[in-house]
Amino acid sequence: MTPVSALPYGAAAAIRFVLFDIDDTITRDGRLLEASFSAMWRLREAGYRVVPVTGRPAGWCDCIARQWPVDGVVGENGAFAFFMDGERLSTLRHPAALDAAEARERLEGVRLRVLAEVPGARVAKDQFARLCDLAVDFAEEPPVLPMETALRVKSICESMGAHAKISSIHVNAWFGDYDKPSMAEFFLSSRFGYHRDEDLASVLYFGDSPNDEPMFARFPVSVGVANVRRYAGILKTLPAYVTEAEFGAGFAEGVSVLLNSIAQ
């Protein structure tokens, strides 16, 4: 991983869209940092399209789309995007996402098996606000469980035919052939005329954990905040760049590098 301070001017000049994970990418200890929120405003005011891409639930995405300085938010690891169309909240669902009732029915067996077979595993407190996935908490609230537990949960989910990804706090499981990058590109294409073959270099992505790996693999200009290093042993694809600072301070650092590069 190259220090983000070495981001070439040419790469910075091509950026139109800034996408980023939420937990431990713009937050620290579960809190959205002032520096992160200010960085979003700086991007928005500079004319970039700003889009969080998260494993967090639909209920959070409603609030984010309405109240944050963003152009939309991709939620539940790619099941949908929420965005404001004028004064109206709109939703774009991934074509492969199940409807909420079918998703709940198919995930119930996964939930029961995980809770029965993995000591300490528990359903995330934000599950009530989810439409399409199951979130198993291993590190959002105490007791924090080891990565081996998260890997065991992921293995069980996959053995039952579900997709599963590990974030810094949850294991998310879902049915349906979608993920963060496919929904992010579907949203950018639908809303802003993005074409992958022509516009791949126009996206800058920030992340921190294994569930960001598909985004690191998809977008050449990807940045890991410094705490991504703790997952270096299990990531097959690392981000191209890395910040010096961790968590939301790293996000703010990367945004400053981008904006300062263009200003020079």
Protein backbone atom coordinates (compact mmCIF):
# COMPACT_ATOMS: atom_id res chain seq x y z
CA MET A 1 0.00 0.00 0.00
CA THR A 2 1.34 3.39 -1.04
CA PRO A 3 0.95 6.36 1.33
CA VAL A 4 -2.05 8.41 0.24
CA SER A 5 0.17 11.49 0.32
CA ALA A 6 1.75 10.09 -2.88
CA LEU A 7 -1.56 10.09 -4.79
CA PRO A 8 -0.59 11.39 -8.26
CA TYR A 9 -2.13 14.60 -9.51
CA GLY A 10 -3.48 12.82 -12.59
CA ALA A 11 -5.34 10.28 -10.48
CA ALA A 12 -6.71 12.99 -8.19
CA ALA A 13 -7.82 15.15 -11.13
CA ALA A 14 -9.91 12.29 -12.57
CA ILE A 15 -12.00 11.79 -9.41
CA ARG A 16 -15.70 12.71 -9.58
CA PHE A 17 -17.18 10.31 -7.04
CA VAL A 18 -15.99 9.76 -3.45
CA LEU A 19 -17.39 6.60 -1.87
CA PHE A 20 -16.63 5.34 1.62
CA ASP A 21 -17.48 2.81 4.27
CA ILE A 22 -18.90 4.07 7.59
CA ASP A 23 -17.88 1.99 10.63
CA ASP A 24 -14.21 2.55 11.56
CA THR A 25 -13.64 4.42 8.29
CA ILE A 26 -15.33 7.69 9.21
CA THR A 27 -16.07 6.77 12.84
CA ARG A 28 -14.03 5.80 15.89
CA ASP A 29 -15.41 3.80 18.80
CA GLY A 30 -18.82 3.99 17.15
CA ARG A 31 -18.86 7.79 16.92
CA LEU A 32 -18.94 9.90 13.76
CA LEU A 33 -16.00 12.28 14.06
CA GLU A 34 -16.27 16.02 13.50
CA ALA A 35 -13.31 15.83 11.09
CA SER A 36 -15.09 13.17 9.02
CA PHE A 37 -18.34 15.10 8.79
CA SER A 38 -16.46 18.28 7.90
CA ALA A 39 -14.60 16.35 5.19
CA MET A 40 -17.93 15.28 3.67
CA TRP A 41 -19.05 18.90 3.54
CA ARG A 42 -15.75 19.93 1.95
CA LEU A 43 -16.20 17.31 -0.74
CA ARG A 44 -19.80 18.29 -1.36
CA GLU A 45 -18.92 21.96 -1.62
CA ALA A 46 -16.06 21.14 -4.02
CA GLY A 47 -18.54 19.49 -6.39
CA TYR A 48 -17.87 15.79 -5.78
CA ARG A 49 -20.63 13.20 -5.62
CA VAL A 50 -20.43 11.77 -2.09
CA VAL A 51 -21.83 8.31 -1.34
CA PRO A 52 -21.38 6.14 1.79
CA VAL A 53 -21.37 2.40 0.99
CA THR A 54 -22.11 0.45 4.15
CA GLY A 55 -23.33 -2.72 5.77
CA ARG A 56 -25.59 -0.67 8.02
CA PRO A 57 -29.37 -1.11 7.81
CA ALA A 58 -32.16 0.54 5.88
CA GLY A 59 -33.26 2.46 8.97
CA TRP A 60 -29.88 4.15 9.22
CA CYS A 61 -29.81 4.81 5.47
CA ASP A 62 -33.10 6.71 5.63
CA CYS A 63 -31.54 9.12 8.14
CA ILE A 64 -28.21 9.36 6.29
CA ALA A 65 -29.81 10.13 2.94
CA ARG A 66 -31.98 12.83 4.48
CA GLN A 67 -29.56 14.50 6.88
CA TRP A 68 -25.95 13.99 5.79
CA PRO A 69 -24.21 16.02 3.06
CA VAL A 70 -24.30 13.08 0.64
CA ASP A 71 -25.81 12.27 -2.75
CA GLY A 72 -27.13 8.89 -1.65
CA VAL A 73 -26.15 5.89 0.46
CA VAL A 74 -25.73 2.22 -0.44
CA GLY A 75 -26.89 0.04 2.44
CA GLU A 76 -26.89 -3.55 3.71
CA ASN A 77 -23.80 -4.45 1.65
CA GLY A 78 -25.43 -3.58 -1.67
CA ALA A 79 -29.11 -4.49 -1.34
CA PHE A 80 -30.29 -0.97 -2.13
CA ALA A 81 -29.46 2.71 -2.29
CA PHE A 82 -31.43 5.53 -0.66
CA PHE A 83 -31.21 9.07 -2.02
CA MET A 84 -33.08 12.35 -2.03
CA ASP A 85 -34.83 13.15 -5.30
CA GLY A 86 -35.55 16.79 -4.66
CA GLU A 87 -37.49 16.78 -1.39
CA ARG A 88 -38.58 13.16 -1.72
CA LEU A 89 -36.70 10.12 -0.39
CA SER A 90 -36.30 7.48 -3.10
CA THR A 91 -35.00 3.91 -3.06
CA LEU A 92 -33.17 1.98 -5.76
CA ARG A 93 -33.05 -1.77 -5.08
CA HIS A 94 -30.48 -4.09 -6.53
CA PRO A 95 -32.18 -6.35 -9.11
CA ALA A 96 -30.88 -9.45 -7.27
CA ALA A 97 -32.06 -8.40 -3.80
CA LEU A 98 -34.87 -10.43 -2.23
CA ASP A 99 -37.97 -8.72 -0.92
CA ALA A 100 -37.95 -8.19 2.82
CA ALA A 101 -40.35 -11.01 3.71
CA GLU A 102 -38.46 -13.64 1.69
CA ALA A 103 -35.12 -12.41 3.03
CA ARG A 104 -36.30 -12.70 6.65
CA GLU A 105 -37.69 -16.20 6.06
CA ARG A 106 -34.50 -17.53 4.46
CA LEU A 107 -32.21 -15.88 7.01
CA GLU A 108 -34.09 -17.24 10.03
CA GLY A 109 -32.47 -20.65 9.65
CA VAL A 110 -29.06 -19.02 9.41
CA ARG A 111 -29.70 -17.03 12.57
CA LEU A 112 -30.81 -20.06 14.54
CA ARG A 113 -27.82 -22.14 13.51
CA VAL A 114 -25.27 -19.39 14.21
CA LEU A 115 -26.67 -18.72 17.67
CA ALA A 116 -26.77 -22.44 18.44
CA GLU A 117 -23.25 -23.26 17.25
CA VAL A 118 -21.13 -20.18 17.99
CA PRO A 119 -20.64 -19.31 21.68
CA GLY A 120 -20.99 -15.59 22.34
CA ALA A 121 -22.47 -14.74 18.94
CA ARG A 122 -25.49 -12.44 19.08
CA VAL A 123 -27.70 -10.63 16.62
CA ALA A 124 -26.70 -6.99 16.16
CA LYS A 125 -28.81 -4.41 17.95
CA ASP A 126 -29.63 -2.69 14.63
CA GLN A 127 -31.23 -5.84 13.17
CA PHE A 128 -34.74 -4.45 13.71
CA ALA A 129 -33.99 -1.78 11.09
CA ARG A 130 -32.79 -4.23 8.40
CA LEU A 131 -34.64 -5.34 5.27
CA CYS A 132 -32.44 -7.84 3.47
CA ASP A 133 -29.64 -9.17 5.66
CA LEU A 134 -28.68 -10.65 9.00
CA ALA A 135 -26.04 -8.88 11.10
CA VAL A 136 -24.19 -10.86 13.77
CA ASP A 137 -22.31 -8.71 16.26
CA PHE A 138 -18.85 -9.84 17.31
CA ALA A 139 -17.19 -6.50 18.11
CA GLU A 140 -19.66 -3.61 18.16
CA GLU A 141 -20.57 -4.11 21.82
CA PRO A 142 -18.75 -5.99 24.61
CA PRO A 143 -17.73 -8.66 24.98
CA VAL A 144 -15.57 -8.31 21.88
CA LEU A 145 -15.05 -11.72 20.28
CA PRO A 146 -11.91 -12.79 18.38
CA MET A 147 -11.61 -12.81 14.60
CA GLU A 148 -11.75 -16.61 14.74
CA THR A 149 -15.36 -16.30 15.91
CA ALA A 150 -16.24 -14.01 13.02
CA LEU A 151 -14.63 -16.43 10.58
CA ARG A 152 -16.67 -19.30 12.09
CA VAL A 153 -19.91 -17.33 11.68
CA LYS A 154 -18.98 -16.52 8.08
CA SER A 155 -18.29 -20.19 7.37
CA ILE A 156 -21.67 -21.28 8.73
CA CYS A 157 -23.51 -18.65 6.69
CA GLU A 158 -21.73 -19.69 3.50
CA SER A 159 -22.36 -23.39 4.18
CA MET A 160 -26.08 -22.56 4.12
CA GLY A 161 -25.83 -20.86 0.74
CA ALA A 162 -25.70 -17.28 1.96
CA HIS A 163 -23.18 -14.62 1.06
CA ALA A 164 -21.27 -13.36 4.11
CA LYS A 165 -18.79 -10.57 4.77
CA ILE A 166 -16.88 -9.55 7.87
CA SER A 167 -16.73 -5.88 8.81
CA SER A 168 -14.84 -4.43 11.75
CA ILE A 169 -17.87 -5.08 13.98
CA HIS A 170 -20.36 -7.45 12.32
CA VAL A 171 -20.67 -10.49 10.11
CA ASN A 172 -23.35 -9.71 7.53
CA ALA A 173 -25.17 -12.51 5.70
CA TRP A 174 -27.64 -12.29 2.82
CA PHE A 175 -29.16 -14.23 -0.06
CA GLY A 176 -28.97 -12.76 -3.56
CA ASP A 177 -26.10 -12.21 -5.97
CA TYR A 178 -25.15 -8.66 -5.13
CA ASP A 179 -22.41 -6.86 -3.24
CA LYS A 180 -21.12 -3.38 -2.50
CA PRO A 181 -19.43 -2.68 -5.86
CA SER A 182 -22.27 -3.95 -8.04
CA MET A 183 -24.82 -1.77 -6.23
CA ALA A 184 -22.50 1.21 -6.07
CA GLU A 185 -22.00 1.08 -9.83
CA PHE A 186 -25.72 0.48 -10.45
CA PHE A 187 -26.54 3.55 -8.36
CA LEU A 188 -23.89 5.76 -9.98
CA SER A 189 -25.03 4.65 -13.42
CA SER A 190 -28.73 5.20 -12.71
CA ARG A 191 -28.29 8.60 -11.09
CA PHE A 192 -25.19 10.12 -12.67
CA GLY A 193 -24.56 8.38 -15.98
CA TYR A 194 -21.53 6.43 -14.76
CA HIS A 195 -20.10 3.92 -17.26
CA ARG A 196 -17.69 1.39 -15.81
CA ASP A 197 -15.54 0.99 -18.93
CA GLU A 198 -15.06 4.74 -19.21
CA ASP A 199 -15.36 6.02 -15.64
CA LEU A 200 -13.62 3.48 -13.40
CA ALA A 201 -10.84 5.96 -12.60
CA SER A 202 -13.39 8.57 -11.55
CA VAL A 203 -14.18 6.78 -8.28
CA LEU A 204 -12.19 7.12 -5.04
CA TYR A 205 -13.11 4.62 -2.33
CA PHE A 206 -12.22 4.66 1.38
CA GLY A 207 -12.51 1.56 3.57
CA ASP A 208 -11.04 -0.25 6.55
CA SER A 209 -11.99 -3.93 6.77
CA PRO A 210 -12.58 -7.26 4.98
CA ASN A 211 -16.07 -6.34 3.77
CA ASP A 212 -14.44 -3.50 1.82
CA GLU A 213 -12.25 -5.91 -0.13
CA PRO A 214 -14.65 -6.14 -3.12
CA MET A 215 -14.47 -2.35 -3.41
CA PHE A 216 -10.68 -2.36 -3.13
CA ALA A 217 -10.62 -4.92 -5.94
CA ARG A 218 -13.09 -3.05 -8.15
CA PHE A 219 -11.76 0.51 -7.95
CA PRO A 220 -8.10 1.24 -8.73
CA VAL A 221 -8.08 4.42 -6.64
CA SER A 222 -8.86 2.85 -3.26
CA VAL A 223 -7.67 4.09 0.11
CA GLY A 224 -7.51 2.24 3.39
CA VAL A 225 -7.52 4.23 6.59
CA ALA A 226 -4.51 3.09 8.62
CA ASN A 227 -6.42 0.61 10.80
CA VAL A 228 -6.91 -1.53 7.68
CA ARG A 229 -3.44 -2.90 8.45
CA ARG A 230 -4.88 -5.10 11.21
CA TYR A 231 -6.60 -7.18 8.51
CA ALA A 232 -3.61 -7.44 6.16
CA GLY A 233 -3.24 -11.14 6.97
CA ILE A 234 -6.73 -12.06 5.73
CA LEU A 235 -7.21 -9.60 2.86
CA LYS A 236 -6.38 -10.98 -0.57
CA THR A 237 -6.75 -7.52 -2.13
CA LEU A 238 -5.37 -4.52 -0.25
CA PRO A 239 -6.26 -0.91 -1.04
CA ALA A 240 -3.89 0.87 -3.40
CA TYR A 241 -3.20 3.64 -0.86
CA VAL A 242 -3.19 3.94 2.91
CA THR A 243 -3.45 6.92 5.25
CA GLU A 244 -1.13 7.72 8.11
CA ALA A 245 -3.98 8.34 10.55
CA GLU A 246 -6.52 5.76 11.67
CA PHE A 247 -10.32 5.74 11.53
CA GLY A 248 -12.16 8.97 10.70
CA ALA A 249 -8.98 11.03 11.04
CA GLY A 250 -7.55 8.94 8.21
CA PHE A 251 -10.60 9.65 6.06
CA ALA A 252 -10.18 13.38 6.68
CA GLU A 253 -6.48 13.06 5.84
CA GLY A 254 -7.25 11.38 2.52
CA VAL A 255 -9.87 13.98 1.62
CA SER A 256 -7.38 16.76 2.35
CA VAL A 257 -4.82 15.09 0.07
CA LEU A 258 -7.40 14.96 -2.74
CA LEU A 259 -8.57 18.55 -2.34
CA ASN A 260 -5.08 19.98 -1.85
CA SER A 261 -3.81 18.16 -4.92
CA ILE A 262 -6.50 19.70 -7.09
CA ALA A 263 -5.98 23.16 -5.58
CA GLN A 264 -2.31 23.27 -6.51
